[in-house]
Amino acid sequence: MTVSPLAPAAFPELPVIEGVRFAAVAAGIKYKGRDDVMLALLDPGSVVAGVFTRSATRSAPVLDCQAKLGTDSDQGAAFLVNSGNSNAFTGKAGDGSVAAICKAVAEATKLPETRIFTSSTGVIGQPLPHDRIIAKLDEAVSALSRHDLAASAKAIMTTDTFPKGAAREIMVDGKPVKIAGVAKGSGMIAPDMATMLVYVFTDAKISRAALQEIVSNANARTFNNITVDSDTSTSDTLLMAATGASGVSVEGNADFATAVEDVFRDLAHLVVKDGEGATKFVTVNVTGAATDEDARTHALSIANSPLVKTAIAGEDPNWGRIVMAVGKSGAKADRDALTIRFGNILVAEKGWVSPDYQEEQGAAVMKQPEISIDVDIGLGHGAATVWTCDLTHGYISINADYRS
């Protein structure tokens, strides 16, 4: 598999998060010769927060996780994640697979089933061969290590071309607090809560309710503002765990909330940069809308437009397609109030192309691997930012034979 041209030079060095251990094993669910199951085991006292897809056809693992979140517990917890099969649209068999995996993980880790959180990603509509996962649990438990988060990032990949990780460290009252996370995602990316699969860990001490608030707020400004292809997954899951191992309380700490959001944003950007077939990373900034929600509607309309995305893939500065996307969005707009910029180049204003604009200026911007499209609606103070990628032949090639 060819690695995305937007991939970082190397996987980042992630800090050890005390209070959680990781393992990655090969269960042969779909892929041969690679790890496809991740296990994370959290120490007693850890708290878990999360957000999930709001798809009406969400998977059995998502429904199970949603049912288990929202209660406090002094016991540890475990995350079990498999790639290659999403266990979505599998009826009662899907529920049975989740129940069987949770029971087996509970027995292997000496935890109650209510503290086992599972996720699955991959092909939709095929029964999950959960017996293959269960057969590898003893191996996974034996392999648990505080240093295997990077291996876990690889194990949860499907059409991803590179593993995704991000981290931050802040000082609170002179003591370090660490945050590290991994994500998977490449296609079927238009989150309606979080995105694909994301797992973030911190050694901070915080209540479950406070952590949930931070996760929900950070998610709204990061993962919920990315799109590759406008398709919301049936399996989107974001789980964050705080082990408390540092002994440092971050309750009400703004720096901690900012650091969490920074990690989320880094991971969200990496997902877009690994968009199936992507060659351009695109930031769409909309200002001057009647409301923030209108701004987001306009931004998503631009970011999801196949005509806009293919123009970017062809390095064509076709500003008319931006006008089209704004006009069709359904949010308030005035043709003669629009201002459009590609990078720092003023392209159009007052309902027409700018008299100083030259096509080669826009073309030069479009040749860059990272592009910004700035649109001012001219009606108010609403603003939003959405991140996306271009749409290439590579996307079609990947998805035309995904199940084969």
Protein backbone atom coordinates (compact mmCIF):
# COMPACT_ATOMS: atom_id res chain seq x y z
CA MET A 1 0.00 0.00 0.00
CA THR A 2 1.36 3.41 -0.99
CA VAL A 3 1.73 5.75 1.97
CA SER A 4 -0.15 9.06 1.71
CA PRO A 5 2.07 11.88 0.42
CA LEU A 6 0.72 13.94 3.33
CA ALA A 7 1.94 11.46 5.97
CA PRO A 8 4.33 12.73 8.66
CA ALA A 9 7.97 11.69 8.35
CA ALA A 10 7.69 9.33 11.31
CA PHE A 11 5.35 8.16 14.04
CA PRO A 12 5.75 10.47 17.05
CA GLU A 13 7.44 9.36 20.22
CA LEU A 14 4.54 8.98 22.63
CA PRO A 15 5.07 9.34 26.39
CA VAL A 16 4.42 6.43 28.72
CA ILE A 17 1.07 6.89 30.44
CA GLU A 18 1.25 5.30 33.87
CA GLY A 19 -1.83 3.33 34.81
CA VAL A 20 -2.49 1.75 31.41
CA ARG A 21 -0.86 -1.08 29.50
CA PHE A 22 -1.23 -2.09 25.85
CA ALA A 23 -0.90 -5.13 23.64
CA ALA A 24 -1.35 -5.83 19.94
CA VAL A 25 -1.86 -9.34 18.53
CA ALA A 26 -2.70 -10.99 15.21
CA ALA A 27 -6.05 -12.79 15.21
CA GLY A 28 -6.39 -13.17 11.43
CA ILE A 29 -9.83 -11.55 11.27
CA LYS A 30 -9.22 -10.32 7.71
CA TYR A 31 -5.58 -9.37 7.33
CA LYS A 32 -2.74 -11.86 7.12
CA GLY A 33 0.65 -11.36 8.70
CA ARG A 34 -0.19 -8.30 10.79
CA ASP A 35 -1.63 -7.38 14.17
CA ASP A 36 -5.35 -6.68 14.07
CA VAL A 37 -6.42 -6.61 17.73
CA MET A 38 -5.54 -4.01 20.36
CA LEU A 39 -6.03 -4.47 24.10
CA ALA A 40 -5.66 -1.61 26.58
CA LEU A 41 -5.92 -2.45 30.29
CA LEU A 42 -6.57 0.41 32.72
CA ASP A 43 -5.69 0.32 36.41
CA PRO A 44 -8.33 0.61 39.16
CA GLY A 45 -9.47 4.19 39.70
CA SER A 46 -9.42 5.06 35.99
CA VAL A 47 -12.35 7.00 34.57
CA VAL A 48 -13.64 6.68 31.01
CA ALA A 49 -15.43 9.21 28.81
CA GLY A 50 -16.47 8.99 25.20
CA VAL A 51 -18.51 10.12 22.23
CA PHE A 52 -20.00 7.99 19.48
CA THR A 53 -21.60 8.10 16.07
CA ARG A 54 -25.22 9.20 15.97
CA SER A 55 -25.82 7.11 12.86
CA ALA A 56 -29.21 5.36 12.96
CA THR A 57 -27.42 2.18 11.83
CA ARG A 58 -24.62 2.21 14.40
CA SER A 59 -22.89 -1.03 15.22
CA ALA A 60 -23.37 -3.45 18.11
CA PRO A 61 -20.05 -2.43 19.76
CA VAL A 62 -21.07 1.25 19.67
CA LEU A 63 -24.44 0.54 21.26
CA ASP A 64 -22.79 -1.57 23.95
CA CYS A 65 -20.22 1.13 24.77
CA GLN A 66 -22.91 3.80 24.94
CA ALA A 67 -24.88 1.70 27.41
CA LYS A 68 -21.84 1.24 29.67
CA LEU A 69 -20.60 4.84 29.83
CA GLY A 70 -22.02 7.33 32.29
CA THR A 71 -21.49 5.55 35.60
CA ASP A 72 -18.68 5.96 38.10
CA SER A 73 -16.55 3.00 39.18
CA ASP A 74 -13.40 2.44 41.23
CA GLN A 75 -12.56 -0.63 39.16
CA GLY A 76 -10.22 -0.76 36.21
CA ALA A 77 -11.38 -1.04 32.60
CA ALA A 78 -10.34 -2.55 29.29
CA PHE A 79 -10.60 -1.45 25.67
CA LEU A 80 -10.63 -4.26 23.09
CA VAL A 81 -10.46 -3.15 19.45
CA ASN A 82 -10.34 -5.20 16.26
CA SER A 83 -9.80 -4.17 12.65
CA GLY A 84 -10.92 -5.92 9.47
CA ASN A 85 -14.59 -6.34 10.44
CA SER A 86 -16.89 -3.63 11.82
CA ASN A 87 -19.49 -5.99 13.34
CA ALA A 88 -22.08 -3.56 11.96
CA PHE A 89 -25.41 -4.55 10.37
CA THR A 90 -24.95 -8.07 11.71
CA GLY A 91 -28.23 -8.34 13.65
CA LYS A 92 -28.42 -10.48 16.76
CA ALA A 93 -25.17 -12.17 15.74
CA GLY A 94 -23.42 -8.85 16.28
CA ASP A 95 -24.84 -8.50 19.77
CA GLY A 96 -23.76 -12.07 20.48
CA SER A 97 -20.22 -11.36 19.33
CA VAL A 98 -19.97 -8.33 21.62
CA ALA A 99 -21.32 -10.32 24.57
CA ALA A 100 -18.91 -13.19 23.94
CA ILE A 101 -15.89 -10.90 23.63
CA CYS A 102 -16.81 -8.90 26.74
CA LYS A 103 -17.28 -12.08 28.76
CA ALA A 104 -13.93 -13.48 27.61
CA VAL A 105 -12.04 -10.21 28.19
CA ALA A 106 -13.63 -9.89 31.65
CA GLU A 107 -12.44 -13.38 32.56
CA ALA A 108 -8.95 -12.77 31.17
CA THR A 109 -8.50 -9.43 32.95
CA LYS A 110 -10.49 -10.15 36.15
CA LEU A 111 -12.77 -7.20 35.44
CA PRO A 112 -16.57 -7.00 35.40
CA GLU A 113 -18.15 -7.09 31.95
CA THR A 114 -19.57 -3.62 32.57
CA ARG A 115 -16.00 -2.27 32.38
CA ILE A 116 -15.14 -3.85 29.03
CA PHE A 117 -15.45 -1.49 26.05
CA THR A 118 -15.15 -2.98 22.57
CA SER A 119 -14.81 -1.43 19.12
CA SER A 120 -14.72 -2.96 15.66
CA THR A 121 -13.79 -1.41 12.33
CA GLY A 122 -13.73 -2.74 8.79
CA VAL A 123 -16.20 -4.36 6.44
CA ILE A 124 -19.92 -3.86 7.19
CA GLY A 125 -22.44 -6.70 7.12
CA GLN A 126 -20.22 -9.70 7.74
CA PRO A 127 -20.41 -11.69 11.01
CA LEU A 128 -17.42 -11.05 13.25
CA PRO A 129 -15.34 -14.21 13.81
CA HIS A 130 -15.07 -13.39 17.49
CA ASP A 131 -13.70 -16.81 18.35
CA ARG A 132 -10.43 -15.78 16.69
CA ILE A 133 -10.21 -12.78 18.99
CA ILE A 134 -11.04 -14.79 22.09
CA ALA A 135 -8.38 -17.36 21.19
CA LYS A 136 -5.75 -14.62 21.32
CA LEU A 137 -6.74 -13.02 24.63
CA ASP A 138 -4.28 -14.93 26.81
CA GLU A 139 -1.49 -13.95 24.43
CA ALA A 140 -2.62 -10.33 24.56
CA VAL A 141 -2.79 -10.24 28.36
CA SER A 142 0.68 -11.78 28.61
CA ALA A 143 2.05 -9.19 26.18
CA LEU A 144 0.65 -6.13 27.99
CA SER A 145 3.21 -3.34 28.22
CA ARG A 146 3.24 0.37 29.00
CA HIS A 147 5.29 0.89 25.84
CA ASP A 148 3.04 -0.67 23.16
CA LEU A 149 0.70 2.21 22.26
CA ALA A 150 2.49 2.63 18.92
CA ALA A 151 1.90 -1.03 18.06
CA SER A 152 -1.76 -0.56 18.96
CA ALA A 153 -2.01 2.32 16.49
CA LYS A 154 -0.95 -0.06 13.71
CA ALA A 155 -3.27 -2.86 14.83
CA ILE A 156 -6.44 -0.76 14.45
CA MET A 157 -5.67 0.34 10.87
CA THR A 158 -7.88 -0.66 7.91
CA THR A 159 -7.35 1.33 4.69
CA ASP A 160 -5.08 3.70 6.62
CA THR A 161 -1.67 4.08 5.01
CA PHE A 162 0.09 5.14 8.20
CA PRO A 163 -0.50 4.86 11.98
CA LYS A 164 -1.65 8.00 13.74
CA GLY A 165 -0.49 9.23 17.15
CA ALA A 166 -0.28 12.51 19.06
CA ALA A 167 0.71 13.66 22.53
CA ARG A 168 1.06 16.64 24.85
CA GLU A 169 2.66 17.22 28.24
CA ILE A 170 1.75 20.12 30.50
CA MET A 171 2.85 21.24 33.93
CA VAL A 172 0.26 21.61 36.67
CA ASP A 173 1.47 22.99 40.00
CA GLY A 174 5.00 22.13 38.95
CA LYS A 175 4.18 18.51 38.14
CA PRO A 176 3.93 16.90 34.67
CA VAL A 177 0.67 15.62 33.24
CA LYS A 178 0.82 13.51 30.09
CA ILE A 179 -1.71 12.89 27.32
CA ALA A 180 -1.25 10.45 24.43
CA GLY A 181 -3.63 9.10 21.83
CA VAL A 182 -3.98 7.08 18.65
CA ALA A 183 -6.57 7.07 15.90
CA LYS A 184 -7.55 5.21 12.77
CA GLY A 185 -9.47 6.57 9.85
CA SER A 186 -9.09 7.11 6.14
CA GLY A 187 -12.46 6.74 4.42
CA MET A 188 -16.12 6.95 5.46
CA ILE A 189 -15.16 10.14 7.25
CA ALA A 190 -17.82 12.72 8.10
CA PRO A 191 -18.14 12.46 11.87
CA ASP A 192 -21.36 13.12 13.68
CA MET A 193 -19.83 13.01 17.16
CA ALA A 194 -16.24 11.87 16.94
CA THR A 195 -14.50 10.01 14.19
CA MET A 196 -13.64 6.52 13.18
CA LEU A 197 -11.79 5.02 16.15
CA VAL A 198 -9.86 7.21 18.59
CA TYR A 199 -8.32 6.27 21.96
CA VAL A 200 -6.70 8.87 24.19
CA PHE A 201 -5.09 8.31 27.57
CA THR A 202 -3.86 10.59 30.34
CA ASP A 203 -2.35 10.11 33.79
CA ALA A 204 -4.29 13.11 35.10
CA LYS A 205 -6.67 12.88 38.04
CA ILE A 206 -10.16 14.06 37.11
CA SER A 207 -13.78 13.08 37.67
CA ARG A 208 -15.63 11.20 34.96
CA ALA A 209 -18.15 14.00 34.54
CA ALA A 210 -15.46 16.65 34.12
CA LEU A 211 -13.55 14.50 31.65
CA GLN A 212 -16.72 13.88 29.65
CA GLU A 213 -17.34 17.62 29.38
CA ILE A 214 -13.81 18.21 28.11
CA VAL A 215 -14.07 15.35 25.60
CA SER A 216 -17.42 16.53 24.27
CA ASN A 217 -16.30 20.15 23.91
CA ALA A 218 -12.96 19.29 22.30
CA ASN A 219 -14.62 16.83 19.93
CA ALA A 220 -17.06 19.48 18.71
CA ARG A 221 -14.17 21.70 17.60
CA THR A 222 -11.96 19.00 16.10
CA PHE A 223 -13.22 15.59 15.01
CA ASN A 224 -16.68 16.91 14.22
CA ASN A 225 -15.12 19.40 11.81
CA ILE A 226 -13.33 17.00 9.48
CA THR A 227 -14.64 15.31 6.36
CA VAL A 228 -13.07 13.12 3.71
CA ASP A 229 -16.10 11.95 1.77
CA SER A 230 -19.23 13.17 3.63
CA ASP A 231 -20.05 9.62 4.80
CA THR A 232 -20.61 9.09 8.52
CA SER A 233 -19.40 5.72 9.79
CA THR A 234 -21.56 3.18 11.59
CA SER A 235 -18.69 2.59 14.00
CA ASP A 236 -17.34 6.00 15.05
CA THR A 237 -16.01 5.77 18.59
CA LEU A 238 -13.85 8.07 20.69
CA LEU A 239 -12.86 6.87 24.14
CA MET A 240 -10.65 8.76 26.57
CA ALA A 241 -9.37 7.37 29.85
CA ALA A 242 -7.79 9.19 32.80
CA THR A 243 -5.84 6.86 35.09
CA GLY A 244 -5.07 9.39 37.83
CA ALA A 245 -1.63 7.79 38.21
CA SER A 246 0.16 11.16 38.27
CA GLY A 247 -1.82 12.19 41.34
CA VAL A 248 -2.24 15.62 39.77
CA SER A 249 -5.79 16.97 39.75
CA VAL A 250 -6.82 18.80 36.59
CA GLU A 251 -10.40 19.43 37.61
CA GLY A 252 -11.33 22.80 36.11
CA ASN A 253 -7.86 23.30 34.63
CA ALA A 254 -8.07 25.23 31.36
CA ASP A 255 -4.55 24.25 30.26
CA PHE A 256 -5.47 20.58 30.47
CA ALA A 257 -8.63 21.11 28.43
CA THR A 258 -6.57 22.96 25.81
CA ALA A 259 -3.99 20.18 25.69
CA VAL A 260 -6.70 17.56 25.16
CA GLU A 261 -8.16 19.61 22.33
CA ASP A 262 -4.69 19.95 20.80
CA VAL A 263 -4.24 16.16 20.81
CA PHE A 264 -7.70 15.70 19.29
CA ARG A 265 -6.94 18.25 16.57
CA ASP A 266 -3.60 16.66 15.72
CA LEU A 267 -5.27 13.27 15.34
CA ALA A 268 -8.16 14.72 13.35
CA HIS A 269 -5.74 16.36 10.93
CA LEU A 270 -3.84 13.09 10.51
CA VAL A 271 -7.06 11.31 9.60
CA VAL A 272 -7.72 13.86 6.85
CA LYS A 273 -4.13 13.66 5.63
CA ASP A 274 -4.63 9.92 5.26
CA GLY A 275 -7.93 10.39 3.43
CA GLU A 276 -8.28 7.66 0.85
CA GLY A 277 -6.37 8.83 -2.21
CA ALA A 278 -5.68 12.26 -0.71
CA THR A 279 -2.90 14.45 -2.10
CA LYS A 280 -3.99 17.79 -0.60
CA PHE A 281 -4.86 18.84 2.95
CA VAL A 282 -7.45 21.61 2.81
CA THR A 283 -8.53 24.07 5.51
CA VAL A 284 -11.87 25.75 4.82
CA ASN A 285 -12.37 28.92 6.89
CA VAL A 286 -15.76 30.61 6.77
CA THR A 287 -16.31 34.00 8.44
CA GLY A 288 -18.97 36.66 8.32
CA ALA A 289 -21.91 34.23 8.41
CA ALA A 290 -25.17 35.06 10.12
CA THR A 291 -24.40 32.49 12.86
CA ASP A 292 -21.65 30.03 13.74
CA GLU A 293 -23.94 27.19 12.68
CA ASP A 294 -24.51 28.83 9.29
CA ALA A 295 -20.74 29.20 8.93
CA ARG A 296 -20.26 25.49 9.63
CA THR A 297 -23.00 24.60 7.13
CA HIS A 298 -21.27 26.67 4.43
CA ALA A 299 -17.85 25.22 5.30
CA LEU A 300 -19.09 21.64 5.13
CA SER A 301 -20.87 22.33 1.86
CA ILE A 302 -17.57 23.50 0.38
CA ALA A 303 -15.53 20.72 1.94
CA ASN A 304 -17.93 17.96 0.86
CA SER A 305 -18.52 19.14 -2.70
CA PRO A 306 -17.15 16.58 -5.21
CA LEU A 307 -16.73 19.42 -7.72
CA VAL A 308 -14.67 21.50 -5.29
CA LYS A 309 -12.61 18.48 -4.21
CA THR A 310 -11.87 17.30 -7.74
CA ALA A 311 -10.87 20.81 -8.77
CA ILE A 312 -8.39 20.84 -5.90
CA ALA A 313 -7.10 17.42 -6.98
CA GLY A 314 -6.52 18.86 -10.47
CA GLU A 315 -4.92 21.99 -9.00
CA ASP A 316 -7.59 24.09 -10.69
CA PRO A 317 -8.40 27.36 -8.85
CA ASN A 318 -12.06 27.14 -9.83
CA TRP A 319 -13.58 29.73 -7.52
CA GLY A 320 -16.96 29.35 -9.24
CA ARG A 321 -17.33 26.00 -7.50
CA ILE A 322 -16.88 27.71 -4.13
CA VAL A 323 -19.70 30.10 -5.03
CA MET A 324 -21.83 27.11 -6.02
CA ALA A 325 -21.18 25.29 -2.75
CA VAL A 326 -22.09 28.34 -0.67
CA GLY A 327 -25.25 28.91 -2.66
CA LYS A 328 -26.51 25.33 -2.31
CA SER A 329 -25.74 24.92 1.40
CA GLY A 330 -29.11 26.15 2.64
CA ALA A 331 -27.56 28.64 5.05
CA LYS A 332 -27.99 32.39 4.58
CA ALA A 333 -25.83 33.94 1.88
CA ASP A 334 -25.77 36.96 -0.43
CA ARG A 335 -24.02 36.57 -3.77
CA ASP A 336 -22.86 40.17 -3.86
CA ALA A 337 -21.45 40.10 -0.32
CA LEU A 338 -19.10 37.13 -0.79
CA THR A 339 -15.33 37.40 -0.53
CA ILE A 340 -13.18 34.41 -1.51
CA ARG A 341 -9.46 33.87 -0.96
CA PHE A 342 -7.16 31.00 -1.91
CA GLY A 343 -4.38 31.26 0.64
CA ASN A 344 -3.55 34.96 0.87
CA ILE A 345 -4.74 35.63 -2.68
CA LEU A 346 -7.94 37.66 -3.03
CA VAL A 347 -9.91 35.84 -5.72
CA ALA A 348 -13.43 37.24 -5.69
CA GLU A 349 -15.43 39.98 -3.97
CA LYS A 350 -18.70 41.88 -4.31
CA GLY A 351 -20.30 39.26 -6.53
CA TRP A 352 -17.49 39.08 -9.09
CA VAL A 353 -13.87 38.13 -9.59
CA SER A 354 -11.45 40.63 -8.04
CA PRO A 355 -10.05 43.05 -10.66
CA ASP A 356 -6.52 42.40 -9.40
CA TYR A 357 -6.79 38.59 -9.45
CA GLN A 358 -4.67 36.64 -11.90
CA GLU A 359 -5.34 32.96 -12.61
CA GLU A 360 -1.71 31.96 -12.19
CA GLN A 361 -1.82 33.26 -8.60
CA GLY A 362 -4.63 30.89 -7.69
CA ALA A 363 -2.98 28.05 -9.61
CA ALA A 364 0.22 28.53 -7.59
CA VAL A 365 -1.73 28.15 -4.34
CA MET A 366 -3.43 24.99 -5.61
CA LYS A 367 -0.07 23.34 -6.28
CA GLN A 368 0.76 23.38 -2.58
CA PRO A 369 0.20 20.19 -0.49
CA GLU A 370 -1.65 22.23 2.15
CA ILE A 371 -4.24 24.77 1.00
CA SER A 372 -6.57 27.20 2.72
CA ILE A 373 -9.86 28.39 1.25
CA ASP A 374 -11.22 31.45 3.05
CA VAL A 375 -14.76 32.64 2.46
CA ASP A 376 -16.36 35.66 4.10
CA ILE A 377 -20.14 35.57 3.78
CA GLY A 378 -20.52 39.27 4.59
CA LEU A 379 -23.64 38.95 6.73
CA GLY A 380 -22.56 38.76 10.37
CA HIS A 381 -19.97 37.42 12.80
CA GLY A 382 -20.46 33.65 12.53
CA ALA A 383 -17.29 31.63 11.91
CA ALA A 384 -16.24 28.00 11.47
CA THR A 385 -13.31 25.94 10.26
CA VAL A 386 -13.53 22.54 8.59
CA TRP A 387 -10.67 20.35 7.39
CA THR A 388 -10.88 18.13 4.32
CA CYS A 389 -8.85 16.70 1.44
CA ASP A 390 -9.07 16.44 -2.32
CA LEU A 391 -10.93 13.72 -4.25
CA THR A 392 -8.72 11.70 -6.59
CA HIS A 393 -8.83 8.56 -8.72
CA GLY A 394 -7.19 6.85 -5.75
CA TYR A 395 -10.37 7.16 -3.71
CA ILE A 396 -12.34 5.35 -6.41
CA SER A 397 -9.73 2.61 -6.74
CA ILE A 398 -9.70 1.93 -3.00
CA ASN A 399 -13.46 1.86 -2.58
CA ALA A 400 -14.42 0.09 -5.81
CA ASP A 401 -12.97 -3.19 -4.52
CA TYR A 402 -12.81 -2.62 -0.74
CA ARG A 403 -14.40 -5.97 0.12
CA SER A 404 -12.23 -8.06 -2.18
